[in-house]
N, C-alpha and C. Protein backbone atom coordinates (compact mmCIF):
# COMPACT_ATOMS: atom_id res chain seq x y z
N VAL A 1 -43.76 -110.21 177.21
CA VAL A 1 -43.39 -110.11 178.61
C VAL A 1 -42.38 -111.20 178.97
N ALA A 2 -42.59 -112.39 178.42
CA ALA A 2 -41.67 -113.50 178.72
C ALA A 2 -40.25 -113.17 178.29
N ALA A 3 -40.11 -112.48 177.16
CA ALA A 3 -38.77 -112.11 176.68
C ALA A 3 -38.13 -111.05 177.57
N GLU A 4 -38.95 -110.18 178.15
CA GLU A 4 -38.43 -109.13 179.02
C GLU A 4 -37.96 -109.67 180.37
N TYR A 5 -38.56 -110.79 180.79
CA TYR A 5 -38.23 -111.38 182.09
C TYR A 5 -37.84 -112.84 181.90
N PRO A 6 -36.67 -113.09 181.34
CA PRO A 6 -36.27 -114.47 181.00
C PRO A 6 -36.07 -115.37 182.21
N ASN A 7 -35.90 -114.81 183.39
CA ASN A 7 -35.71 -115.62 184.59
C ASN A 7 -37.02 -115.96 185.29
N SER A 8 -38.13 -115.48 184.73
CA SER A 8 -39.45 -115.78 185.29
C SER A 8 -40.12 -116.88 184.47
N LYS A 9 -41.05 -117.57 185.09
CA LYS A 9 -41.79 -118.64 184.42
C LYS A 9 -43.21 -118.16 184.16
N PHE A 10 -43.71 -118.38 182.93
CA PHE A 10 -45.04 -117.94 182.54
C PHE A 10 -45.89 -119.13 182.11
N TYR A 11 -47.16 -119.10 182.50
CA TYR A 11 -48.12 -120.12 182.09
C TYR A 11 -49.24 -119.41 181.34
N ALA A 12 -49.54 -119.89 180.15
CA ALA A 12 -50.61 -119.31 179.33
C ALA A 12 -51.75 -120.31 179.24
N ILE A 13 -52.94 -119.86 179.57
CA ILE A 13 -54.13 -120.72 179.55
C ILE A 13 -55.00 -120.34 178.38
N ASP A 14 -55.43 -121.34 177.62
CA ASP A 14 -56.35 -121.11 176.51
C ASP A 14 -57.16 -122.37 176.31
N PHE A 15 -58.18 -122.28 175.42
CA PHE A 15 -59.01 -123.45 175.15
C PHE A 15 -58.23 -124.51 174.38
N THR A 16 -57.21 -124.08 173.64
CA THR A 16 -56.35 -125.01 172.91
C THR A 16 -54.90 -124.70 173.24
N THR A 17 -54.05 -125.71 173.16
CA THR A 17 -52.63 -125.48 173.44
C THR A 17 -51.95 -124.89 172.22
N GLN A 18 -50.92 -124.12 172.46
CA GLN A 18 -50.13 -123.51 171.39
C GLN A 18 -48.67 -123.72 171.70
N ASN A 19 -47.85 -123.41 170.74
CA ASN A 19 -46.40 -123.51 170.95
C ASN A 19 -45.83 -122.11 171.15
N SER A 20 -44.72 -122.05 171.87
CA SER A 20 -44.05 -120.77 172.10
C SER A 20 -42.57 -120.92 171.82
N ASN A 21 -41.98 -119.87 171.29
CA ASN A 21 -40.54 -119.86 171.06
C ASN A 21 -39.76 -119.53 172.33
N ASP A 22 -40.49 -119.09 173.36
CA ASP A 22 -39.84 -118.74 174.62
C ASP A 22 -39.77 -119.96 175.53
N ASN A 23 -38.58 -120.25 176.04
CA ASN A 23 -38.39 -121.41 176.91
C ASN A 23 -39.08 -121.27 178.26
N ASN A 24 -39.41 -120.05 178.63
CA ASN A 24 -40.02 -119.83 179.94
C ASN A 24 -41.55 -119.70 179.88
N VAL A 25 -42.15 -120.14 178.75
CA VAL A 25 -43.60 -120.09 178.59
C VAL A 25 -44.13 -121.51 178.40
N THR A 26 -45.15 -121.86 179.17
CA THR A 26 -45.83 -123.15 179.03
C THR A 26 -47.30 -122.89 178.74
N PHE A 27 -47.82 -123.47 177.65
CA PHE A 27 -49.23 -123.34 177.31
C PHE A 27 -50.00 -124.50 177.91
N ILE A 28 -51.15 -124.20 178.49
CA ILE A 28 -51.99 -125.22 179.10
C ILE A 28 -53.40 -125.09 178.54
N SER A 29 -53.95 -126.20 178.05
CA SER A 29 -55.33 -126.22 177.59
C SER A 29 -56.24 -126.35 178.80
N CYS A 30 -57.17 -125.42 178.93
CA CYS A 30 -57.97 -125.37 180.15
C CYS A 30 -59.29 -124.66 179.88
N ASP A 31 -60.36 -125.12 180.50
CA ASP A 31 -61.64 -124.45 180.45
C ASP A 31 -61.66 -123.41 181.58
N ILE A 32 -61.64 -122.14 181.22
CA ILE A 32 -61.54 -121.09 182.24
C ILE A 32 -62.82 -120.94 183.06
N HIS A 33 -63.87 -121.70 182.71
CA HIS A 33 -65.08 -121.70 183.53
C HIS A 33 -64.96 -122.66 184.71
N GLN A 34 -63.91 -123.47 184.71
CA GLN A 34 -63.70 -124.46 185.77
C GLN A 34 -62.60 -123.98 186.72
N VAL A 35 -62.31 -124.82 187.71
CA VAL A 35 -61.22 -124.51 188.64
C VAL A 35 -59.91 -124.47 187.87
N LEU A 36 -59.13 -123.43 188.08
CA LEU A 36 -57.84 -123.30 187.39
C LEU A 36 -56.87 -124.35 187.93
N PRO A 37 -56.06 -124.96 187.05
CA PRO A 37 -55.22 -126.09 187.45
C PRO A 37 -53.92 -125.68 188.16
N PHE A 38 -54.07 -124.84 189.18
CA PHE A 38 -52.91 -124.37 189.92
C PHE A 38 -53.24 -124.34 191.41
N PRO A 39 -52.23 -124.52 192.26
CA PRO A 39 -52.47 -124.44 193.70
C PRO A 39 -52.72 -123.01 194.16
N ASP A 40 -53.17 -122.87 195.38
CA ASP A 40 -53.39 -121.55 195.97
C ASP A 40 -52.06 -120.78 196.05
N ASN A 41 -52.16 -119.46 195.95
CA ASN A 41 -51.01 -118.57 196.17
C ASN A 41 -49.81 -118.93 195.29
N GLU A 42 -50.06 -119.18 194.01
CA GLU A 42 -49.02 -119.67 193.11
C GLU A 42 -48.31 -118.55 192.34
N PHE A 43 -49.04 -117.48 192.00
CA PHE A 43 -48.49 -116.49 191.05
C PHE A 43 -48.38 -115.09 191.65
N ASP A 44 -47.37 -114.38 191.17
CA ASP A 44 -47.20 -112.97 191.54
C ASP A 44 -48.06 -112.06 190.67
N TYR A 45 -48.40 -112.54 189.47
CA TYR A 45 -49.07 -111.68 188.48
C TYR A 45 -49.94 -112.55 187.58
N VAL A 46 -51.18 -112.10 187.36
CA VAL A 46 -52.10 -112.77 186.43
C VAL A 46 -52.60 -111.71 185.45
N PHE A 47 -52.57 -112.05 184.16
CA PHE A 47 -52.99 -111.13 183.11
C PHE A 47 -54.10 -111.78 182.29
N SER A 48 -55.13 -111.02 181.98
CA SER A 48 -56.25 -111.51 181.17
C SER A 48 -56.59 -110.47 180.11
N ARG A 49 -56.71 -110.91 178.86
CA ARG A 49 -57.06 -110.00 177.77
C ARG A 49 -58.30 -110.50 177.03
N ASN A 50 -59.30 -109.61 176.92
CA ASN A 50 -60.51 -109.86 176.13
C ASN A 50 -61.16 -111.21 176.44
N LYS A 51 -61.28 -111.53 177.71
CA LYS A 51 -61.92 -112.79 178.10
C LYS A 51 -63.33 -112.60 178.65
N THR A 52 -63.76 -111.36 178.92
CA THR A 52 -65.06 -111.19 179.56
C THR A 52 -66.21 -111.59 178.64
N ASP A 53 -65.98 -111.67 177.33
CA ASP A 53 -67.03 -112.11 176.41
C ASP A 53 -67.37 -113.58 176.57
N PHE A 54 -66.61 -114.32 177.35
CA PHE A 54 -66.84 -115.75 177.53
C PHE A 54 -67.68 -116.07 178.76
N PHE A 55 -68.09 -115.06 179.51
CA PHE A 55 -68.72 -115.31 180.80
C PHE A 55 -70.11 -114.70 180.92
N THR A 56 -71.02 -115.45 181.58
CA THR A 56 -72.21 -114.84 182.13
C THR A 56 -71.77 -114.09 183.39
N ASN A 57 -72.66 -113.28 183.94
CA ASN A 57 -72.28 -112.51 185.13
C ASN A 57 -71.84 -113.42 186.28
N ASN A 58 -72.60 -114.51 186.52
CA ASN A 58 -72.26 -115.41 187.62
C ASN A 58 -70.95 -116.14 187.36
N ASN A 59 -70.74 -116.61 186.13
CA ASN A 59 -69.49 -117.30 185.81
C ASN A 59 -68.29 -116.38 185.95
N PHE A 60 -68.47 -115.12 185.60
CA PHE A 60 -67.36 -114.18 185.69
C PHE A 60 -66.94 -113.97 187.14
N GLN A 61 -67.92 -113.89 188.03
CA GLN A 61 -67.59 -113.73 189.45
C GLN A 61 -66.78 -114.93 189.93
N GLY A 62 -67.16 -116.14 189.49
CA GLY A 62 -66.40 -117.34 189.85
C GLY A 62 -64.98 -117.31 189.31
N PHE A 63 -64.83 -116.80 188.09
CA PHE A 63 -63.50 -116.68 187.49
C PHE A 63 -62.61 -115.75 188.32
N LEU A 64 -63.18 -114.62 188.76
CA LEU A 64 -62.41 -113.68 189.57
C LEU A 64 -61.96 -114.32 190.88
N PHE A 65 -62.85 -115.09 191.52
CA PHE A 65 -62.46 -115.77 192.75
C PHE A 65 -61.32 -116.74 192.50
N GLU A 66 -61.34 -117.42 191.34
CA GLU A 66 -60.26 -118.34 191.00
C GLU A 66 -58.94 -117.60 190.79
N VAL A 67 -59.01 -116.45 190.12
CA VAL A 67 -57.80 -115.66 189.91
C VAL A 67 -57.19 -115.26 191.25
N PHE A 68 -58.02 -114.77 192.16
CA PHE A 68 -57.50 -114.36 193.46
C PHE A 68 -57.02 -115.55 194.28
N ARG A 69 -57.59 -116.71 194.04
CA ARG A 69 -57.12 -117.91 194.75
C ARG A 69 -55.69 -118.25 194.36
N VAL A 70 -55.38 -118.16 193.06
CA VAL A 70 -54.04 -118.55 192.60
C VAL A 70 -53.01 -117.43 192.76
N LEU A 71 -53.48 -116.21 193.02
CA LEU A 71 -52.55 -115.09 193.25
C LEU A 71 -51.95 -115.16 194.65
N LYS A 72 -50.68 -114.84 194.74
CA LYS A 72 -50.05 -114.72 196.04
C LYS A 72 -50.58 -113.47 196.75
N PRO A 73 -50.56 -113.44 198.07
CA PRO A 73 -50.93 -112.21 198.78
C PRO A 73 -50.06 -111.05 198.28
N GLY A 74 -50.70 -109.95 197.94
CA GLY A 74 -49.97 -108.81 197.40
C GLY A 74 -49.69 -108.91 195.91
N GLY A 75 -50.19 -109.99 195.26
CA GLY A 75 -49.98 -110.16 193.82
C GLY A 75 -50.84 -109.20 193.01
N TRP A 76 -50.55 -109.15 191.71
CA TRP A 76 -51.23 -108.23 190.80
C TRP A 76 -52.07 -108.99 189.78
N PHE A 77 -53.28 -108.47 189.55
CA PHE A 77 -54.16 -109.00 188.50
C PHE A 77 -54.44 -107.85 187.54
N GLU A 78 -54.09 -108.05 186.28
CA GLU A 78 -54.33 -107.03 185.25
C GLU A 78 -55.27 -107.61 184.21
N ILE A 79 -56.32 -106.86 183.92
CA ILE A 79 -57.30 -107.30 182.92
C ILE A 79 -57.48 -106.19 181.90
N VAL A 80 -57.39 -106.56 180.63
CA VAL A 80 -57.52 -105.60 179.52
C VAL A 80 -58.63 -106.10 178.62
N HIS A 81 -59.49 -105.19 178.22
CA HIS A 81 -60.61 -105.59 177.36
C HIS A 81 -60.98 -104.43 176.45
N SER A 82 -61.33 -104.75 175.21
CA SER A 82 -61.75 -103.72 174.26
C SER A 82 -63.24 -103.46 174.42
N LEU A 83 -63.60 -102.20 174.42
CA LEU A 83 -65.00 -101.80 174.46
C LEU A 83 -65.48 -101.55 173.04
N ARG A 84 -66.79 -101.45 172.89
CA ARG A 84 -67.35 -101.30 171.56
C ARG A 84 -67.01 -99.96 170.91
N VAL A 85 -67.01 -99.98 169.60
CA VAL A 85 -66.78 -98.78 168.80
C VAL A 85 -68.01 -97.88 168.89
N ASP A 86 -67.80 -96.58 168.93
CA ASP A 86 -68.92 -95.64 168.91
C ASP A 86 -69.74 -95.83 167.64
N ASP A 87 -71.09 -95.71 167.76
CA ASP A 87 -71.98 -95.92 166.62
C ASP A 87 -71.66 -95.00 165.45
N ASP A 88 -71.33 -93.74 165.74
CA ASP A 88 -71.10 -92.80 164.64
C ASP A 88 -69.76 -93.01 163.95
N ALA A 89 -68.97 -93.97 164.45
CA ALA A 89 -67.67 -94.24 163.85
C ALA A 89 -67.69 -95.49 162.98
N ARG A 90 -68.91 -95.99 162.66
CA ARG A 90 -69.02 -97.22 161.88
C ARG A 90 -69.95 -97.01 160.70
N GLY A 91 -69.70 -97.79 159.66
CA GLY A 91 -70.58 -97.79 158.52
C GLY A 91 -71.79 -98.67 158.78
N PRO A 92 -72.77 -98.69 157.86
CA PRO A 92 -74.02 -99.44 158.08
C PRO A 92 -73.82 -100.95 158.22
N THR A 93 -72.92 -101.53 157.45
CA THR A 93 -72.70 -102.98 157.55
C THR A 93 -72.04 -103.33 158.87
N PHE A 94 -71.10 -102.52 159.30
CA PHE A 94 -70.44 -102.73 160.59
C PHE A 94 -71.46 -102.64 161.72
N ARG A 95 -72.36 -101.65 161.65
CA ARG A 95 -73.40 -101.50 162.68
C ARG A 95 -74.33 -102.71 162.70
N ARG A 96 -74.70 -103.20 161.52
CA ARG A 96 -75.58 -104.38 161.45
C ARG A 96 -74.89 -105.60 162.07
N MET A 97 -73.62 -105.79 161.73
CA MET A 97 -72.87 -106.92 162.26
C MET A 97 -72.74 -106.83 163.78
N ASP A 98 -72.45 -105.63 164.29
CA ASP A 98 -72.26 -105.48 165.72
C ASP A 98 -73.57 -105.65 166.48
N ALA A 99 -74.67 -105.19 165.90
CA ALA A 99 -75.98 -105.39 166.55
C ALA A 99 -76.29 -106.88 166.67
N ALA A 100 -75.96 -107.65 165.63
CA ALA A 100 -76.17 -109.10 165.67
C ALA A 100 -75.28 -109.73 166.72
N ARG A 101 -74.05 -109.26 166.81
CA ARG A 101 -73.11 -109.80 167.81
C ARG A 101 -73.63 -109.56 169.22
N VAL A 102 -74.08 -108.34 169.50
CA VAL A 102 -74.60 -108.01 170.82
C VAL A 102 -75.81 -108.88 171.15
N SER A 103 -76.72 -109.02 170.18
CA SER A 103 -77.93 -109.83 170.38
C SER A 103 -77.58 -111.29 170.61
N TRP A 104 -76.63 -111.81 169.84
CA TRP A 104 -76.21 -113.22 169.96
C TRP A 104 -75.68 -113.49 171.36
N TYR A 105 -74.84 -112.58 171.87
CA TYR A 105 -74.29 -112.75 173.22
C TYR A 105 -75.39 -112.64 174.28
N LYS A 106 -76.29 -111.67 174.13
CA LYS A 106 -77.35 -111.48 175.13
C LYS A 106 -78.24 -112.71 175.23
N GLU A 107 -78.55 -113.34 174.10
CA GLU A 107 -79.38 -114.54 174.11
C GLU A 107 -78.72 -115.67 174.89
N ARG A 108 -77.42 -115.61 175.05
CA ARG A 108 -76.68 -116.65 175.79
C ARG A 108 -76.31 -116.20 177.20
N GLY A 109 -76.92 -115.10 177.63
CA GLY A 109 -76.71 -114.62 178.99
C GLY A 109 -75.38 -113.93 179.20
N ILE A 110 -74.73 -113.52 178.12
CA ILE A 110 -73.42 -112.87 178.21
C ILE A 110 -73.59 -111.37 178.03
N ASP A 111 -73.13 -110.62 179.00
CA ASP A 111 -73.22 -109.16 178.97
C ASP A 111 -71.91 -108.61 178.43
N ILE A 112 -71.90 -108.15 177.19
CA ILE A 112 -70.64 -107.70 176.59
C ILE A 112 -70.15 -106.38 177.18
N ASP A 113 -71.00 -105.71 177.95
CA ASP A 113 -70.58 -104.47 178.61
C ASP A 113 -70.17 -104.72 180.07
N LEU A 114 -70.02 -105.98 180.42
CA LEU A 114 -69.64 -106.36 181.78
C LEU A 114 -68.37 -105.64 182.23
N ILE A 115 -67.46 -105.44 181.32
CA ILE A 115 -66.17 -104.81 181.65
C ILE A 115 -66.36 -103.41 182.23
N THR A 116 -67.45 -102.74 181.87
CA THR A 116 -67.67 -101.38 182.38
C THR A 116 -68.00 -101.39 183.87
N ARG A 117 -68.36 -102.57 184.41
CA ARG A 117 -68.66 -102.69 185.84
C ARG A 117 -67.62 -103.55 186.56
N LEU A 118 -66.45 -103.67 185.95
CA LEU A 118 -65.41 -104.55 186.50
C LEU A 118 -65.02 -104.16 187.92
N GLU A 119 -64.95 -102.87 188.18
CA GLU A 119 -64.55 -102.44 189.52
C GLU A 119 -65.51 -102.98 190.58
N ASP A 120 -66.82 -102.97 190.28
CA ASP A 120 -67.80 -103.52 191.22
C ASP A 120 -67.58 -105.01 191.44
N TYR A 121 -67.30 -105.73 190.36
CA TYR A 121 -67.05 -107.17 190.47
C TYR A 121 -65.80 -107.45 191.31
N LEU A 122 -64.77 -106.66 191.10
CA LEU A 122 -63.55 -106.84 191.88
C LEU A 122 -63.80 -106.58 193.37
N LYS A 123 -64.57 -105.54 193.66
CA LYS A 123 -64.88 -105.23 195.05
C LYS A 123 -65.69 -106.34 195.71
N MET A 124 -66.60 -106.97 194.94
CA MET A 124 -67.44 -108.03 195.48
C MET A 124 -66.64 -109.24 195.93
N THR A 125 -65.46 -109.44 195.38
CA THR A 125 -64.64 -110.58 195.80
C THR A 125 -64.11 -110.38 197.21
N GLY A 126 -64.00 -109.12 197.64
CA GLY A 126 -63.42 -108.83 198.94
C GLY A 126 -61.92 -109.06 198.98
N LYS A 127 -61.32 -109.30 197.82
CA LYS A 127 -59.89 -109.64 197.75
C LYS A 127 -59.03 -108.52 197.17
N ALA A 128 -59.64 -107.61 196.43
CA ALA A 128 -58.87 -106.56 195.76
C ALA A 128 -58.56 -105.44 196.76
N GLU A 129 -57.29 -105.24 197.02
CA GLU A 129 -56.88 -104.22 197.98
C GLU A 129 -56.70 -102.85 197.34
N PHE A 130 -56.33 -102.84 196.08
CA PHE A 130 -56.09 -101.57 195.37
C PHE A 130 -56.54 -101.75 193.93
N ILE A 131 -57.41 -100.86 193.46
CA ILE A 131 -57.93 -100.95 192.09
C ILE A 131 -57.57 -99.68 191.35
N SER A 132 -56.94 -99.84 190.21
CA SER A 132 -56.57 -98.72 189.35
C SER A 132 -57.09 -99.02 187.95
N SER A 133 -57.64 -98.03 187.28
CA SER A 133 -58.15 -98.27 185.93
C SER A 133 -57.70 -97.18 184.98
N GLN A 134 -57.65 -97.55 183.71
CA GLN A 134 -57.27 -96.61 182.66
C GLN A 134 -58.06 -96.97 181.41
N THR A 135 -58.68 -95.99 180.80
CA THR A 135 -59.38 -96.18 179.54
C THR A 135 -58.65 -95.41 178.46
N VAL A 136 -58.32 -96.10 177.38
CA VAL A 136 -57.54 -95.51 176.30
C VAL A 136 -58.35 -95.60 175.01
N LYS A 137 -58.46 -94.48 174.31
CA LYS A 137 -59.14 -94.46 173.02
C LYS A 137 -58.12 -94.76 171.94
N LEU A 138 -58.40 -95.80 171.15
CA LEU A 138 -57.48 -96.22 170.10
C LEU A 138 -58.11 -96.00 168.74
N PRO A 139 -57.35 -95.53 167.76
CA PRO A 139 -57.90 -95.42 166.41
C PRO A 139 -58.14 -96.80 165.82
N LEU A 140 -59.20 -96.92 165.06
CA LEU A 140 -59.50 -98.17 164.35
C LEU A 140 -59.10 -97.96 162.90
N GLY A 141 -57.82 -98.17 162.63
CA GLY A 141 -57.27 -97.91 161.31
C GLY A 141 -56.18 -96.85 161.40
N GLY A 142 -55.60 -96.54 160.27
CA GLY A 142 -54.51 -95.57 160.25
C GLY A 142 -53.17 -96.26 160.30
N ASP A 143 -52.28 -95.73 161.11
CA ASP A 143 -50.93 -96.28 161.22
C ASP A 143 -50.73 -96.98 162.56
N GLY A 144 -49.67 -97.75 162.64
CA GLY A 144 -49.24 -98.34 163.89
C GLY A 144 -50.30 -99.18 164.56
N TYR A 145 -50.57 -98.86 165.85
CA TYR A 145 -51.49 -99.68 166.62
C TYR A 145 -52.91 -99.58 166.10
N GLY A 146 -53.26 -98.44 165.50
CA GLY A 146 -54.60 -98.30 164.93
C GLY A 146 -54.86 -99.33 163.84
N GLU A 147 -53.86 -99.57 163.00
CA GLU A 147 -54.01 -100.58 161.95
C GLU A 147 -54.07 -101.98 162.56
N PHE A 148 -53.28 -102.20 163.62
CA PHE A 148 -53.33 -103.49 164.31
C PHE A 148 -54.72 -103.73 164.90
N ALA A 149 -55.32 -102.68 165.51
CA ALA A 149 -56.66 -102.79 166.09
C ALA A 149 -57.69 -103.08 165.02
N ARG A 150 -57.54 -102.44 163.88
CA ARG A 150 -58.46 -102.67 162.76
C ARG A 150 -58.36 -104.11 162.27
N GLU A 151 -57.14 -104.60 162.09
CA GLU A 151 -56.93 -105.98 161.63
C GLU A 151 -57.49 -106.98 162.65
N ALA A 152 -57.32 -106.69 163.93
CA ALA A 152 -57.85 -107.57 164.97
C ALA A 152 -59.37 -107.63 164.90
N ALA A 153 -60.02 -106.48 164.69
CA ALA A 153 -61.48 -106.44 164.59
C ALA A 153 -61.95 -107.22 163.36
N LEU A 154 -61.27 -107.05 162.24
CA LEU A 154 -61.65 -107.76 161.02
C LEU A 154 -61.43 -109.26 161.16
N ASN A 155 -60.35 -109.66 161.80
CA ASN A 155 -60.09 -111.09 162.01
C ASN A 155 -61.15 -111.71 162.91
N TYR A 156 -61.59 -110.97 163.93
CA TYR A 156 -62.64 -111.46 164.81
C TYR A 156 -63.92 -111.71 164.01
N ILE A 157 -64.28 -110.76 163.15
CA ILE A 157 -65.48 -110.90 162.33
C ILE A 157 -65.39 -112.15 161.46
N LYS A 158 -64.25 -112.36 160.84
CA LYS A 158 -64.07 -113.54 159.98
C LYS A 158 -64.09 -114.83 160.79
N LEU A 159 -63.50 -114.79 161.97
CA LEU A 159 -63.44 -115.97 162.83
C LEU A 159 -64.83 -116.42 163.28
N MET A 160 -65.74 -115.48 163.45
CA MET A 160 -67.07 -115.79 163.98
C MET A 160 -68.08 -116.14 162.89
N LYS A 161 -67.64 -116.36 161.67
CA LYS A 161 -68.55 -116.59 160.55
C LYS A 161 -69.51 -117.74 160.80
N GLU A 162 -69.02 -118.87 161.27
CA GLU A 162 -69.87 -120.05 161.42
C GLU A 162 -70.96 -119.84 162.47
N LEU A 163 -70.74 -118.94 163.41
CA LEU A 163 -71.75 -118.63 164.42
C LEU A 163 -72.69 -117.52 163.98
N PHE A 164 -72.12 -116.45 163.43
CA PHE A 164 -72.91 -115.27 163.14
C PHE A 164 -73.67 -115.33 161.82
N ALA A 165 -73.16 -116.04 160.81
CA ALA A 165 -73.86 -116.11 159.52
C ALA A 165 -75.26 -116.71 159.68
N PRO A 166 -75.40 -117.88 160.33
CA PRO A 166 -76.75 -118.41 160.52
C PRO A 166 -77.62 -117.49 161.37
N TYR A 167 -77.01 -116.84 162.35
CA TYR A 167 -77.77 -115.95 163.22
C TYR A 167 -78.31 -114.75 162.43
N LEU A 168 -77.51 -114.26 161.50
CA LEU A 168 -77.93 -113.15 160.64
C LEU A 168 -78.89 -113.61 159.54
N GLY A 169 -78.97 -114.93 159.33
CA GLY A 169 -79.81 -115.47 158.27
C GLY A 169 -79.22 -115.27 156.89
N VAL A 170 -77.89 -115.30 156.80
CA VAL A 170 -77.22 -115.11 155.51
C VAL A 170 -76.32 -116.31 155.23
N SER A 171 -76.01 -116.52 153.96
CA SER A 171 -75.10 -117.59 153.57
C SER A 171 -73.67 -117.20 153.95
N PHE A 172 -72.78 -118.19 153.93
CA PHE A 172 -71.38 -117.89 154.19
C PHE A 172 -70.82 -116.92 153.15
N GLU A 173 -71.28 -117.07 151.91
CA GLU A 173 -70.82 -116.17 150.85
C GLU A 173 -71.26 -114.73 151.13
N GLU A 174 -72.51 -114.56 151.57
CA GLU A 174 -73.01 -113.23 151.89
C GLU A 174 -72.28 -112.66 153.11
N TYR A 175 -71.98 -113.52 154.06
CA TYR A 175 -71.23 -113.08 155.24
C TYR A 175 -69.84 -112.59 154.83
N ASP A 176 -69.19 -113.33 153.93
CA ASP A 176 -67.87 -112.90 153.44
C ASP A 176 -67.97 -111.54 152.75
N ARG A 177 -69.06 -111.36 152.00
CA ARG A 177 -69.27 -110.07 151.33
C ARG A 177 -69.43 -108.95 152.37
N MET A 178 -70.17 -109.25 153.44
CA MET A 178 -70.35 -108.26 154.51
C MET A 178 -69.01 -107.94 155.19
N ALA A 179 -68.20 -108.98 155.42
CA ALA A 179 -66.89 -108.77 156.04
C ALA A 179 -66.01 -107.88 155.16
N ASN A 180 -66.07 -108.10 153.85
CA ASN A 180 -65.31 -107.26 152.92
C ASN A 180 -65.83 -105.83 152.93
N GLU A 181 -67.15 -105.69 153.04
CA GLU A 181 -67.75 -104.36 153.09
C GLU A 181 -67.31 -103.62 154.36
N ILE A 182 -67.25 -104.34 155.47
CA ILE A 182 -66.79 -103.73 156.72
C ILE A 182 -65.33 -103.31 156.59
N GLU A 183 -64.54 -104.13 155.92
CA GLU A 183 -63.14 -103.78 155.69
C GLU A 183 -63.05 -102.47 154.91
N ASN A 184 -63.90 -102.32 153.89
CA ASN A 184 -63.91 -101.08 153.10
C ASN A 184 -64.42 -99.90 153.94
N GLU A 185 -65.45 -100.15 154.75
CA GLU A 185 -65.99 -99.08 155.59
C GLU A 185 -64.94 -98.56 156.57
N THR A 186 -64.15 -99.47 157.13
CA THR A 186 -63.15 -99.03 158.11
C THR A 186 -61.98 -98.32 157.44
N LYS A 187 -61.81 -98.54 156.15
CA LYS A 187 -60.80 -97.76 155.41
C LYS A 187 -61.30 -96.35 155.16
N GLU A 188 -62.59 -96.24 154.81
CA GLU A 188 -63.16 -94.95 154.45
C GLU A 188 -63.47 -94.09 155.67
N LYS A 189 -63.92 -94.74 156.73
CA LYS A 189 -64.38 -93.99 157.91
C LYS A 189 -63.67 -94.52 159.13
N ARG A 190 -62.58 -93.91 159.47
CA ARG A 190 -61.76 -94.39 160.58
C ARG A 190 -62.49 -94.14 161.89
N GLY A 191 -62.72 -95.21 162.61
CA GLY A 191 -63.40 -95.10 163.89
C GLY A 191 -62.42 -95.20 165.04
N GLU A 192 -62.97 -95.39 166.22
CA GLU A 192 -62.14 -95.54 167.41
C GLU A 192 -62.75 -96.60 168.30
N ILE A 193 -61.89 -97.35 168.96
CA ILE A 193 -62.34 -98.27 169.99
C ILE A 193 -61.72 -97.83 171.30
N PHE A 194 -62.26 -98.33 172.37
CA PHE A 194 -61.76 -97.99 173.69
C PHE A 194 -61.20 -99.25 174.33
N SER A 195 -60.06 -99.13 174.94
CA SER A 195 -59.47 -100.25 175.66
C SER A 195 -59.36 -99.86 177.12
N ARG A 196 -59.83 -100.74 177.98
CA ARG A 196 -59.82 -100.43 179.40
C ARG A 196 -58.95 -101.44 180.13
N ALA A 197 -58.11 -100.94 180.99
CA ALA A 197 -57.24 -101.81 181.79
C ALA A 197 -57.54 -101.58 183.27
N LYS A 198 -57.63 -102.67 184.02
CA LYS A 198 -57.82 -102.58 185.47
C LYS A 198 -56.71 -103.37 186.14
N ARG A 199 -56.22 -102.85 187.23
CA ARG A 199 -55.18 -103.55 188.00
C ARG A 199 -55.58 -103.62 189.45
């Protein structure tokens, strides 16, 4: 987006700072559970991707209030999040891994299906004047974006090893074996994920 709008200024918030090749992008290290480091009515547009997994229900409501605080009147908030893969589109190891993931989040008060009730959360803020949503079914594997979605899912599984391996009661080596098995399962049995966008 920054490349498409070179005359606009973009701020990217994450837990760690990163570098960008775009001169109009500034990365800021920030805890999104806290007050956002911007004044009121600062932005025309706020975008969030796959962040709902970081919030309990109460924390998420606070995050939405912060987003609307920094948005200018009439500004746009777009949130995109991936929904879970259908059970019949996964192999046994993938299902086992996902069940552990869901349980791990629930034990920490995080509702991974929160995104399905996003419209209600937006209405509760009293700030959303117009809500539009779109749900898109994406292939998990294959060509183009389907392969990108598959790689993203596999990278997430590998990234979460230090958290999920102990939770599953397996060694890191066994976890790696499971990750490889999931990679093979997604090659053999192409599934689908759903991506939902709200504006």
